[in-house]
Amino acid sequence: MRNIPIDMVADFQSDATTFCRLVKVICKDGTRLAFTTLDAPLAFDDGEDSLVYSPLNGIQPSGFETTGDMSVDNAEMLGWVQPEWITEQQIRAGLFDHAKVITYKVNYLNATPGRMVIEMAGRCGETVFTDTSFKTEFRSKTQQLRQPVGD
């Protein structure tokens, strides 16, 4: 069950919604990347970082699959290579390998601290590169719990 801040309940119940998805990626080297599905940049403070989420890269989370039991949540994130944002060399060097990922749903008309729903949190899995795009797996925390550690 998701915790929805009381201030957002009315937003979810309205006839016309003004929500977008935010994706924050924290790479192994500490680099923070912030993407939005909105068509304009959006400044947002999640209580940990105050970042401007960019539509430039056009990252698109796809096929979210979540369950209420201990099944593994999974998704893929698709993005486009742009020299001023993410380069082919960064992707091939493992920029996204095991990077921490958090996705939020926010009302872009009132994106103030505390007004967010965390949709998924976990780490990036394998990243595949094509001529102009990349695709990375999303691995939820549940998937990490299922990995054997030691004998």
N, C-alpha and C. Protein backbone atom coordinates (compact mmCIF):
# COMPACT_ATOMS: atom_id res chain seq x y z
N MET A 1 0.84 -1.18 0.00
CA MET A 1 0.00 0.00 0.00
C MET A 1 0.89 1.24 0.00
N ARG A 2 0.57 2.18 -0.84
CA ARG A 2 1.34 3.43 -0.93
C ARG A 2 0.83 4.44 0.08
N ASN A 3 1.76 5.22 0.58
CA ASN A 3 1.39 6.34 1.43
C ASN A 3 1.21 7.56 0.54
N ILE A 4 0.03 8.10 0.54
CA ILE A 4 -0.25 9.31 -0.24
C ILE A 4 -0.42 10.45 0.74
N PRO A 5 0.41 11.49 0.60
CA PRO A 5 0.27 12.64 1.50
C PRO A 5 -1.15 13.19 1.44
N ILE A 6 -1.67 13.56 2.60
CA ILE A 6 -3.06 14.03 2.69
C ILE A 6 -3.32 15.21 1.76
N ASP A 7 -2.29 16.06 1.55
CA ASP A 7 -2.45 17.21 0.65
C ASP A 7 -2.67 16.79 -0.80
N MET A 8 -2.27 15.57 -1.15
CA MET A 8 -2.37 15.13 -2.54
C MET A 8 -3.64 14.34 -2.84
N VAL A 9 -4.37 13.96 -1.82
CA VAL A 9 -5.57 13.14 -2.04
C VAL A 9 -6.55 13.84 -2.96
N ALA A 10 -6.77 15.11 -2.75
CA ALA A 10 -7.69 15.87 -3.61
C ALA A 10 -7.18 15.92 -5.05
N ASP A 11 -5.85 16.00 -5.22
CA ASP A 11 -5.28 15.99 -6.58
C ASP A 11 -5.63 14.70 -7.30
N PHE A 12 -5.53 13.58 -6.59
CA PHE A 12 -5.83 12.28 -7.19
C PHE A 12 -7.31 12.11 -7.49
N GLN A 13 -8.16 12.77 -6.71
CA GLN A 13 -9.60 12.62 -6.88
C GLN A 13 -10.20 13.58 -7.88
N SER A 14 -9.44 14.55 -8.36
CA SER A 14 -9.99 15.53 -9.29
C SER A 14 -10.19 14.90 -10.67
N ASP A 15 -11.07 15.53 -11.46
CA ASP A 15 -11.38 15.02 -12.79
C ASP A 15 -10.20 15.12 -13.74
N ALA A 16 -9.44 16.20 -13.65
CA ALA A 16 -8.29 16.40 -14.51
C ALA A 16 -7.03 16.36 -13.65
N THR A 17 -6.14 15.44 -13.97
CA THR A 17 -4.93 15.34 -13.17
C THR A 17 -3.78 16.08 -13.84
N THR A 18 -2.87 16.55 -13.03
CA THR A 18 -1.70 17.27 -13.51
C THR A 18 -0.45 16.61 -12.92
N PHE A 19 -0.35 15.31 -13.14
CA PHE A 19 0.76 14.56 -12.60
C PHE A 19 1.80 14.28 -13.66
N CYS A 20 3.03 14.18 -13.21
CA CYS A 20 4.11 13.70 -14.08
C CYS A 20 4.97 12.77 -13.25
N ARG A 21 5.80 12.03 -13.92
CA ARG A 21 6.72 11.12 -13.25
C ARG A 21 8.10 11.75 -13.25
N LEU A 22 8.78 11.64 -12.12
CA LEU A 22 10.16 12.10 -11.98
C LEU A 22 11.03 10.87 -11.73
N VAL A 23 12.18 10.83 -12.37
CA VAL A 23 13.12 9.73 -12.19
C VAL A 23 14.45 10.32 -11.75
N LYS A 24 14.89 9.92 -10.55
CA LYS A 24 16.19 10.36 -10.04
C LYS A 24 17.13 9.17 -10.07
N VAL A 25 18.30 9.37 -10.68
CA VAL A 25 19.31 8.32 -10.77
C VAL A 25 20.55 8.81 -10.03
N ILE A 26 21.01 8.02 -9.07
CA ILE A 26 22.24 8.34 -8.34
C ILE A 26 23.28 7.30 -8.75
N CYS A 27 24.26 7.74 -9.53
CA CYS A 27 25.27 6.84 -10.08
C CYS A 27 26.31 6.48 -9.02
N LYS A 28 27.08 5.43 -9.32
CA LYS A 28 28.11 4.96 -8.40
C LYS A 28 29.09 6.05 -8.01
N ASP A 29 29.40 6.95 -8.95
CA ASP A 29 30.37 8.01 -8.68
C ASP A 29 29.75 9.22 -7.98
N GLY A 30 28.46 9.13 -7.61
CA GLY A 30 27.79 10.22 -6.91
C GLY A 30 27.04 11.17 -7.82
N THR A 31 27.24 11.04 -9.13
CA THR A 31 26.53 11.88 -10.09
C THR A 31 25.02 11.68 -9.92
N ARG A 32 24.28 12.78 -9.91
CA ARG A 32 22.83 12.71 -9.81
C ARG A 32 22.23 13.20 -11.12
N LEU A 33 21.39 12.36 -11.69
CA LEU A 33 20.69 12.70 -12.92
C LEU A 33 19.20 12.75 -12.60
N ALA A 34 18.51 13.72 -13.17
CA ALA A 34 17.10 13.89 -12.86
C ALA A 34 16.33 14.10 -14.16
N PHE A 35 15.33 13.25 -14.39
CA PHE A 35 14.54 13.27 -15.61
C PHE A 35 13.07 13.41 -15.26
N THR A 36 12.31 13.96 -16.18
CA THR A 36 10.86 14.05 -16.00
C THR A 36 10.15 13.65 -17.29
N THR A 37 8.94 13.15 -17.14
CA THR A 37 8.11 12.86 -18.31
C THR A 37 7.35 14.10 -18.75
N LEU A 38 7.46 15.17 -17.97
CA LEU A 38 6.85 16.45 -18.33
C LEU A 38 7.63 17.05 -19.51
N ASP A 39 7.00 17.92 -20.28
CA ASP A 39 7.68 18.49 -21.45
C ASP A 39 8.44 19.78 -21.13
N ALA A 40 8.64 20.08 -19.85
CA ALA A 40 9.38 21.26 -19.43
C ALA A 40 10.19 20.90 -18.18
N PRO A 41 11.28 21.61 -17.92
CA PRO A 41 12.05 21.34 -16.71
C PRO A 41 11.19 21.59 -15.47
N LEU A 42 11.44 20.81 -14.42
CA LEU A 42 10.67 20.95 -13.19
C LEU A 42 11.61 20.88 -12.00
N ALA A 43 11.66 21.94 -11.19
CA ALA A 43 12.46 21.94 -9.97
C ALA A 43 11.67 21.22 -8.89
N PHE A 44 12.36 20.31 -8.18
CA PHE A 44 11.68 19.55 -7.14
C PHE A 44 12.67 19.18 -6.05
N ASP A 45 12.24 19.33 -4.81
CA ASP A 45 13.04 18.95 -3.64
C ASP A 45 12.37 17.76 -3.00
N ASP A 46 13.04 16.60 -3.02
CA ASP A 46 12.47 15.39 -2.44
C ASP A 46 12.86 15.21 -0.97
N GLY A 47 13.48 16.25 -0.39
CA GLY A 47 13.92 16.17 1.00
C GLY A 47 15.36 15.69 1.12
N GLU A 48 15.88 15.14 0.05
CA GLU A 48 17.26 14.67 0.02
C GLU A 48 18.10 15.54 -0.92
N ASP A 49 17.52 15.86 -2.08
CA ASP A 49 18.17 16.67 -3.09
C ASP A 49 17.18 17.68 -3.65
N SER A 50 17.67 18.84 -3.97
CA SER A 50 16.88 19.82 -4.70
C SER A 50 17.45 19.85 -6.12
N LEU A 51 16.72 19.26 -7.05
CA LEU A 51 17.21 19.10 -8.42
C LEU A 51 16.23 19.68 -9.42
N VAL A 52 16.75 20.00 -10.59
CA VAL A 52 15.89 20.37 -11.71
C VAL A 52 15.78 19.14 -12.59
N TYR A 53 14.58 18.61 -12.69
CA TYR A 53 14.33 17.40 -13.49
C TYR A 53 14.15 17.83 -14.94
N SER A 54 14.91 17.23 -15.80
CA SER A 54 15.00 17.68 -17.18
C SER A 54 14.22 16.79 -18.14
N PRO A 55 13.53 17.42 -19.08
CA PRO A 55 12.88 16.65 -20.14
C PRO A 55 13.84 16.41 -21.31
N LEU A 56 15.04 17.00 -21.24
CA LEU A 56 15.98 16.95 -22.37
C LEU A 56 16.25 15.55 -22.88
N ASN A 57 16.50 14.63 -21.96
CA ASN A 57 16.90 13.31 -22.40
C ASN A 57 15.71 12.47 -22.82
N GLY A 58 14.54 12.86 -22.42
CA GLY A 58 13.37 12.10 -22.82
C GLY A 58 13.35 10.70 -22.27
N ILE A 59 13.86 10.51 -21.06
CA ILE A 59 13.84 9.16 -20.48
C ILE A 59 12.39 8.77 -20.25
N GLN A 60 12.06 7.55 -20.59
CA GLN A 60 10.69 7.11 -20.51
C GLN A 60 10.61 5.78 -19.78
N PRO A 61 10.12 5.78 -18.54
CA PRO A 61 9.91 4.50 -17.86
C PRO A 61 8.78 3.77 -18.59
N SER A 62 8.95 2.47 -18.77
CA SER A 62 7.90 1.74 -19.48
C SER A 62 7.60 0.43 -18.79
N GLY A 63 6.39 0.00 -18.93
CA GLY A 63 5.98 -1.31 -18.46
C GLY A 63 6.18 -1.55 -16.98
N PHE A 64 5.83 -0.59 -16.12
CA PHE A 64 5.92 -0.84 -14.68
C PHE A 64 5.04 -2.01 -14.31
N GLU A 65 5.60 -2.94 -13.57
CA GLU A 65 4.83 -4.07 -13.08
C GLU A 65 5.09 -4.18 -11.59
N THR A 66 4.04 -3.97 -10.80
CA THR A 66 4.18 -4.06 -9.35
C THR A 66 3.08 -4.95 -8.80
N THR A 67 3.37 -5.55 -7.67
CA THR A 67 2.40 -6.40 -7.01
C THR A 67 2.42 -6.12 -5.52
N GLY A 68 1.44 -6.59 -4.82
CA GLY A 68 1.36 -6.38 -3.38
C GLY A 68 2.06 -7.46 -2.59
N ASP A 69 2.45 -8.53 -3.25
CA ASP A 69 3.15 -9.59 -2.53
C ASP A 69 4.66 -9.40 -2.66
N MET A 70 5.43 -10.42 -2.44
CA MET A 70 6.89 -10.29 -2.50
C MET A 70 7.43 -10.59 -3.89
N SER A 71 6.59 -10.52 -4.92
CA SER A 71 7.08 -10.68 -6.28
C SER A 71 7.98 -9.51 -6.64
N VAL A 72 8.85 -9.73 -7.61
CA VAL A 72 9.80 -8.70 -8.01
C VAL A 72 9.10 -7.64 -8.86
N ASP A 73 9.23 -6.38 -8.45
CA ASP A 73 8.75 -5.26 -9.27
C ASP A 73 9.79 -5.04 -10.35
N ASN A 74 9.34 -4.74 -11.55
CA ASN A 74 10.32 -4.50 -12.60
C ASN A 74 9.80 -3.50 -13.61
N ALA A 75 10.73 -2.96 -14.35
CA ALA A 75 10.42 -2.00 -15.40
C ALA A 75 11.66 -1.83 -16.25
N GLU A 76 11.51 -1.13 -17.32
CA GLU A 76 12.65 -0.73 -18.15
C GLU A 76 12.55 0.77 -18.32
N MET A 77 13.71 1.39 -18.45
CA MET A 77 13.73 2.82 -18.73
C MET A 77 14.49 3.03 -20.03
N LEU A 78 13.86 3.76 -20.92
CA LEU A 78 14.40 4.03 -22.24
C LEU A 78 14.81 5.48 -22.30
N GLY A 79 15.98 5.76 -22.87
CA GLY A 79 16.44 7.14 -22.98
C GLY A 79 17.17 7.35 -24.30
N TRP A 80 17.39 8.60 -24.63
CA TRP A 80 18.04 8.94 -25.88
C TRP A 80 19.36 9.61 -25.60
N VAL A 81 20.37 9.25 -26.36
CA VAL A 81 21.70 9.80 -26.19
C VAL A 81 21.74 11.21 -26.76
N GLN A 82 22.25 12.14 -25.96
CA GLN A 82 22.43 13.52 -26.40
C GLN A 82 23.76 13.99 -25.83
N PRO A 83 24.65 14.48 -26.68
CA PRO A 83 26.00 14.87 -26.22
C PRO A 83 26.03 15.84 -25.04
N GLU A 84 25.05 16.73 -24.95
CA GLU A 84 25.06 17.69 -23.85
C GLU A 84 24.50 17.11 -22.56
N TRP A 85 24.03 15.88 -22.60
CA TRP A 85 23.39 15.30 -21.42
C TRP A 85 24.00 13.96 -21.05
N ILE A 86 23.78 12.94 -21.84
CA ILE A 86 24.34 11.62 -21.62
C ILE A 86 24.99 11.16 -22.91
N THR A 87 26.25 10.75 -22.82
CA THR A 87 26.99 10.36 -24.02
C THR A 87 27.10 8.85 -24.13
N GLU A 88 27.38 8.40 -25.32
CA GLU A 88 27.60 6.98 -25.56
C GLU A 88 28.75 6.46 -24.69
N GLN A 89 29.81 7.26 -24.55
CA GLN A 89 30.96 6.83 -23.77
C GLN A 89 30.59 6.63 -22.30
N GLN A 90 29.75 7.50 -21.75
CA GLN A 90 29.32 7.35 -20.36
C GLN A 90 28.52 6.06 -20.17
N ILE A 91 27.65 5.78 -21.12
CA ILE A 91 26.82 4.58 -21.02
C ILE A 91 27.70 3.34 -21.11
N ARG A 92 28.59 3.31 -22.10
CA ARG A 92 29.48 2.15 -22.28
C ARG A 92 30.43 1.98 -21.10
N ALA A 93 30.77 3.08 -20.41
CA ALA A 93 31.66 3.01 -19.24
C ALA A 93 30.92 2.56 -17.98
N GLY A 94 29.62 2.35 -18.08
CA GLY A 94 28.85 1.83 -16.95
C GLY A 94 28.23 2.88 -16.05
N LEU A 95 27.90 4.03 -16.59
CA LEU A 95 27.29 5.10 -15.81
C LEU A 95 26.09 4.61 -14.99
N PHE A 96 25.25 3.78 -15.60
CA PHE A 96 24.04 3.33 -14.94
C PHE A 96 24.19 2.00 -14.20
N ASP A 97 25.34 1.35 -14.32
CA ASP A 97 25.50 0.04 -13.68
C ASP A 97 25.29 0.15 -12.17
N HIS A 98 24.27 -0.52 -11.68
CA HIS A 98 23.92 -0.58 -10.25
C HIS A 98 23.64 0.79 -9.65
N ALA A 99 23.24 1.75 -10.47
CA ALA A 99 22.88 3.08 -9.96
C ALA A 99 21.56 2.98 -9.19
N LYS A 100 21.43 3.80 -8.17
CA LYS A 100 20.20 3.86 -7.38
C LYS A 100 19.17 4.65 -8.17
N VAL A 101 17.93 4.16 -8.20
CA VAL A 101 16.85 4.82 -8.94
C VAL A 101 15.64 5.00 -8.03
N ILE A 102 15.07 6.19 -8.08
CA ILE A 102 13.83 6.46 -7.36
C ILE A 102 12.89 7.15 -8.34
N THR A 103 11.66 6.66 -8.44
CA THR A 103 10.68 7.32 -9.29
C THR A 103 9.57 7.89 -8.41
N TYR A 104 9.19 9.11 -8.72
CA TYR A 104 8.16 9.82 -7.98
C TYR A 104 7.00 10.17 -8.91
N LYS A 105 5.84 10.31 -8.34
CA LYS A 105 4.72 10.91 -9.04
C LYS A 105 4.41 12.20 -8.29
N VAL A 106 4.38 13.32 -9.03
CA VAL A 106 4.11 14.62 -8.41
C VAL A 106 3.10 15.39 -9.25
N ASN A 107 2.43 16.31 -8.60
CA ASN A 107 1.55 17.25 -9.29
C ASN A 107 2.44 18.41 -9.72
N TYR A 108 2.67 18.55 -11.00
CA TYR A 108 3.62 19.56 -11.47
C TYR A 108 3.13 21.00 -11.24
N LEU A 109 1.86 21.19 -10.93
CA LEU A 109 1.37 22.53 -10.61
C LEU A 109 1.62 22.90 -9.15
N ASN A 110 1.93 21.89 -8.33
CA ASN A 110 2.20 22.13 -6.91
C ASN A 110 3.23 21.11 -6.42
N ALA A 111 4.43 21.20 -6.96
CA ALA A 111 5.50 20.24 -6.63
C ALA A 111 6.34 20.79 -5.49
N THR A 112 5.77 20.80 -4.29
CA THR A 112 6.48 21.28 -3.12
C THR A 112 6.94 20.10 -2.28
N PRO A 113 7.94 20.29 -1.41
CA PRO A 113 8.43 19.18 -0.60
C PRO A 113 7.31 18.48 0.16
N GLY A 114 7.38 17.18 0.20
CA GLY A 114 6.37 16.39 0.90
C GLY A 114 5.18 16.03 0.06
N ARG A 115 5.05 16.63 -1.13
CA ARG A 115 3.91 16.34 -2.00
C ARG A 115 4.36 15.43 -3.14
N MET A 116 4.61 14.17 -2.79
CA MET A 116 5.05 13.22 -3.80
C MET A 116 4.63 11.82 -3.38
N VAL A 117 4.56 10.96 -4.35
CA VAL A 117 4.33 9.55 -4.10
C VAL A 117 5.52 8.82 -4.69
N ILE A 118 6.21 8.04 -3.86
CA ILE A 118 7.33 7.25 -4.37
C ILE A 118 6.72 6.02 -5.04
N GLU A 119 6.90 5.92 -6.35
CA GLU A 119 6.34 4.79 -7.09
C GLU A 119 7.22 3.55 -6.97
N MET A 120 8.51 3.73 -7.18
CA MET A 120 9.43 2.60 -7.13
C MET A 120 10.78 3.09 -6.67
N ALA A 121 11.54 2.20 -6.04
CA ALA A 121 12.91 2.49 -5.66
C ALA A 121 13.71 1.21 -5.81
N GLY A 122 14.92 1.34 -6.30
CA GLY A 122 15.76 0.17 -6.49
C GLY A 122 17.05 0.55 -7.19
N ARG A 123 17.51 -0.33 -8.04
CA ARG A 123 18.77 -0.09 -8.74
C ARG A 123 18.64 -0.45 -10.21
N CYS A 124 19.52 0.15 -11.01
CA CYS A 124 19.58 -0.19 -12.43
C CYS A 124 20.25 -1.55 -12.58
N GLY A 125 19.77 -2.32 -13.53
CA GLY A 125 20.40 -3.58 -13.88
C GLY A 125 21.23 -3.38 -15.13
N GLU A 126 21.10 -4.29 -16.05
CA GLU A 126 21.88 -4.24 -17.29
C GLU A 126 21.42 -3.09 -18.17
N THR A 127 22.38 -2.40 -18.77
CA THR A 127 22.08 -1.31 -19.70
C THR A 127 22.54 -1.72 -21.08
N VAL A 128 21.65 -1.57 -22.05
CA VAL A 128 21.94 -1.92 -23.44
C VAL A 128 21.94 -0.63 -24.25
N PHE A 129 22.92 -0.50 -25.14
CA PHE A 129 23.07 0.69 -25.95
C PHE A 129 22.77 0.37 -27.40
N THR A 130 22.03 1.28 -28.07
CA THR A 130 21.81 1.17 -29.51
C THR A 130 22.42 2.40 -30.17
N ASP A 131 22.17 2.60 -31.44
CA ASP A 131 22.76 3.74 -32.15
C ASP A 131 22.42 5.09 -31.52
N THR A 132 21.18 5.26 -31.13
CA THR A 132 20.76 6.57 -30.62
C THR A 132 20.10 6.52 -29.25
N SER A 133 19.95 5.35 -28.69
CA SER A 133 19.23 5.25 -27.42
C SER A 133 19.89 4.23 -26.49
N PHE A 134 19.38 4.20 -25.27
CA PHE A 134 19.81 3.18 -24.32
C PHE A 134 18.58 2.68 -23.58
N LYS A 135 18.69 1.46 -23.08
CA LYS A 135 17.61 0.86 -22.31
C LYS A 135 18.26 0.22 -21.09
N THR A 136 17.75 0.54 -19.92
CA THR A 136 18.29 -0.05 -18.70
C THR A 136 17.17 -0.71 -17.92
N GLU A 137 17.48 -1.84 -17.32
CA GLU A 137 16.52 -2.55 -16.49
C GLU A 137 16.41 -1.85 -15.15
N PHE A 138 15.25 -1.91 -14.57
CA PHE A 138 15.04 -1.44 -13.22
C PHE A 138 14.86 -2.66 -12.34
N ARG A 139 15.62 -2.75 -11.27
CA ARG A 139 15.52 -3.86 -10.34
C ARG A 139 15.06 -3.32 -8.98
N SER A 140 13.92 -3.77 -8.52
CA SER A 140 13.38 -3.26 -7.26
C SER A 140 14.16 -3.82 -6.07
N LYS A 141 13.88 -3.26 -4.92
CA LYS A 141 14.51 -3.75 -3.69
C LYS A 141 14.12 -5.20 -3.42
N THR A 142 12.93 -5.60 -3.83
CA THR A 142 12.50 -6.98 -3.64
C THR A 142 13.41 -7.93 -4.40
N GLN A 143 13.81 -7.55 -5.61
CA GLN A 143 14.71 -8.39 -6.39
C GLN A 143 16.04 -8.54 -5.68
N GLN A 144 16.52 -7.49 -5.06
CA GLN A 144 17.79 -7.55 -4.34
C GLN A 144 17.69 -8.49 -3.14
N LEU A 145 16.53 -8.56 -2.49
CA LEU A 145 16.34 -9.47 -1.36
C LEU A 145 16.40 -10.93 -1.80
N ARG A 146 16.06 -11.19 -3.04
CA ARG A 146 16.03 -12.57 -3.54
C ARG A 146 17.40 -13.07 -3.99
N GLN A 147 18.41 -12.19 -4.03
CA GLN A 147 19.74 -12.59 -4.46
C GLN A 147 20.45 -13.33 -3.34
N PRO A 148 21.06 -14.50 -3.66
CA PRO A 148 21.80 -15.23 -2.63
C PRO A 148 23.06 -14.46 -2.23
N VAL A 149 23.36 -14.48 -0.95
CA VAL A 149 24.56 -13.83 -0.43
C VAL A 149 25.30 -14.89 0.39
N GLY A 150 26.50 -15.23 -0.05
CA GLY A 150 27.28 -16.23 0.65
C GLY A 150 26.78 -17.65 0.41
N ASP A 151 27.26 -18.57 1.21
CA ASP A 151 26.88 -20.00 1.06
C ASP A 151 25.57 -20.30 1.72
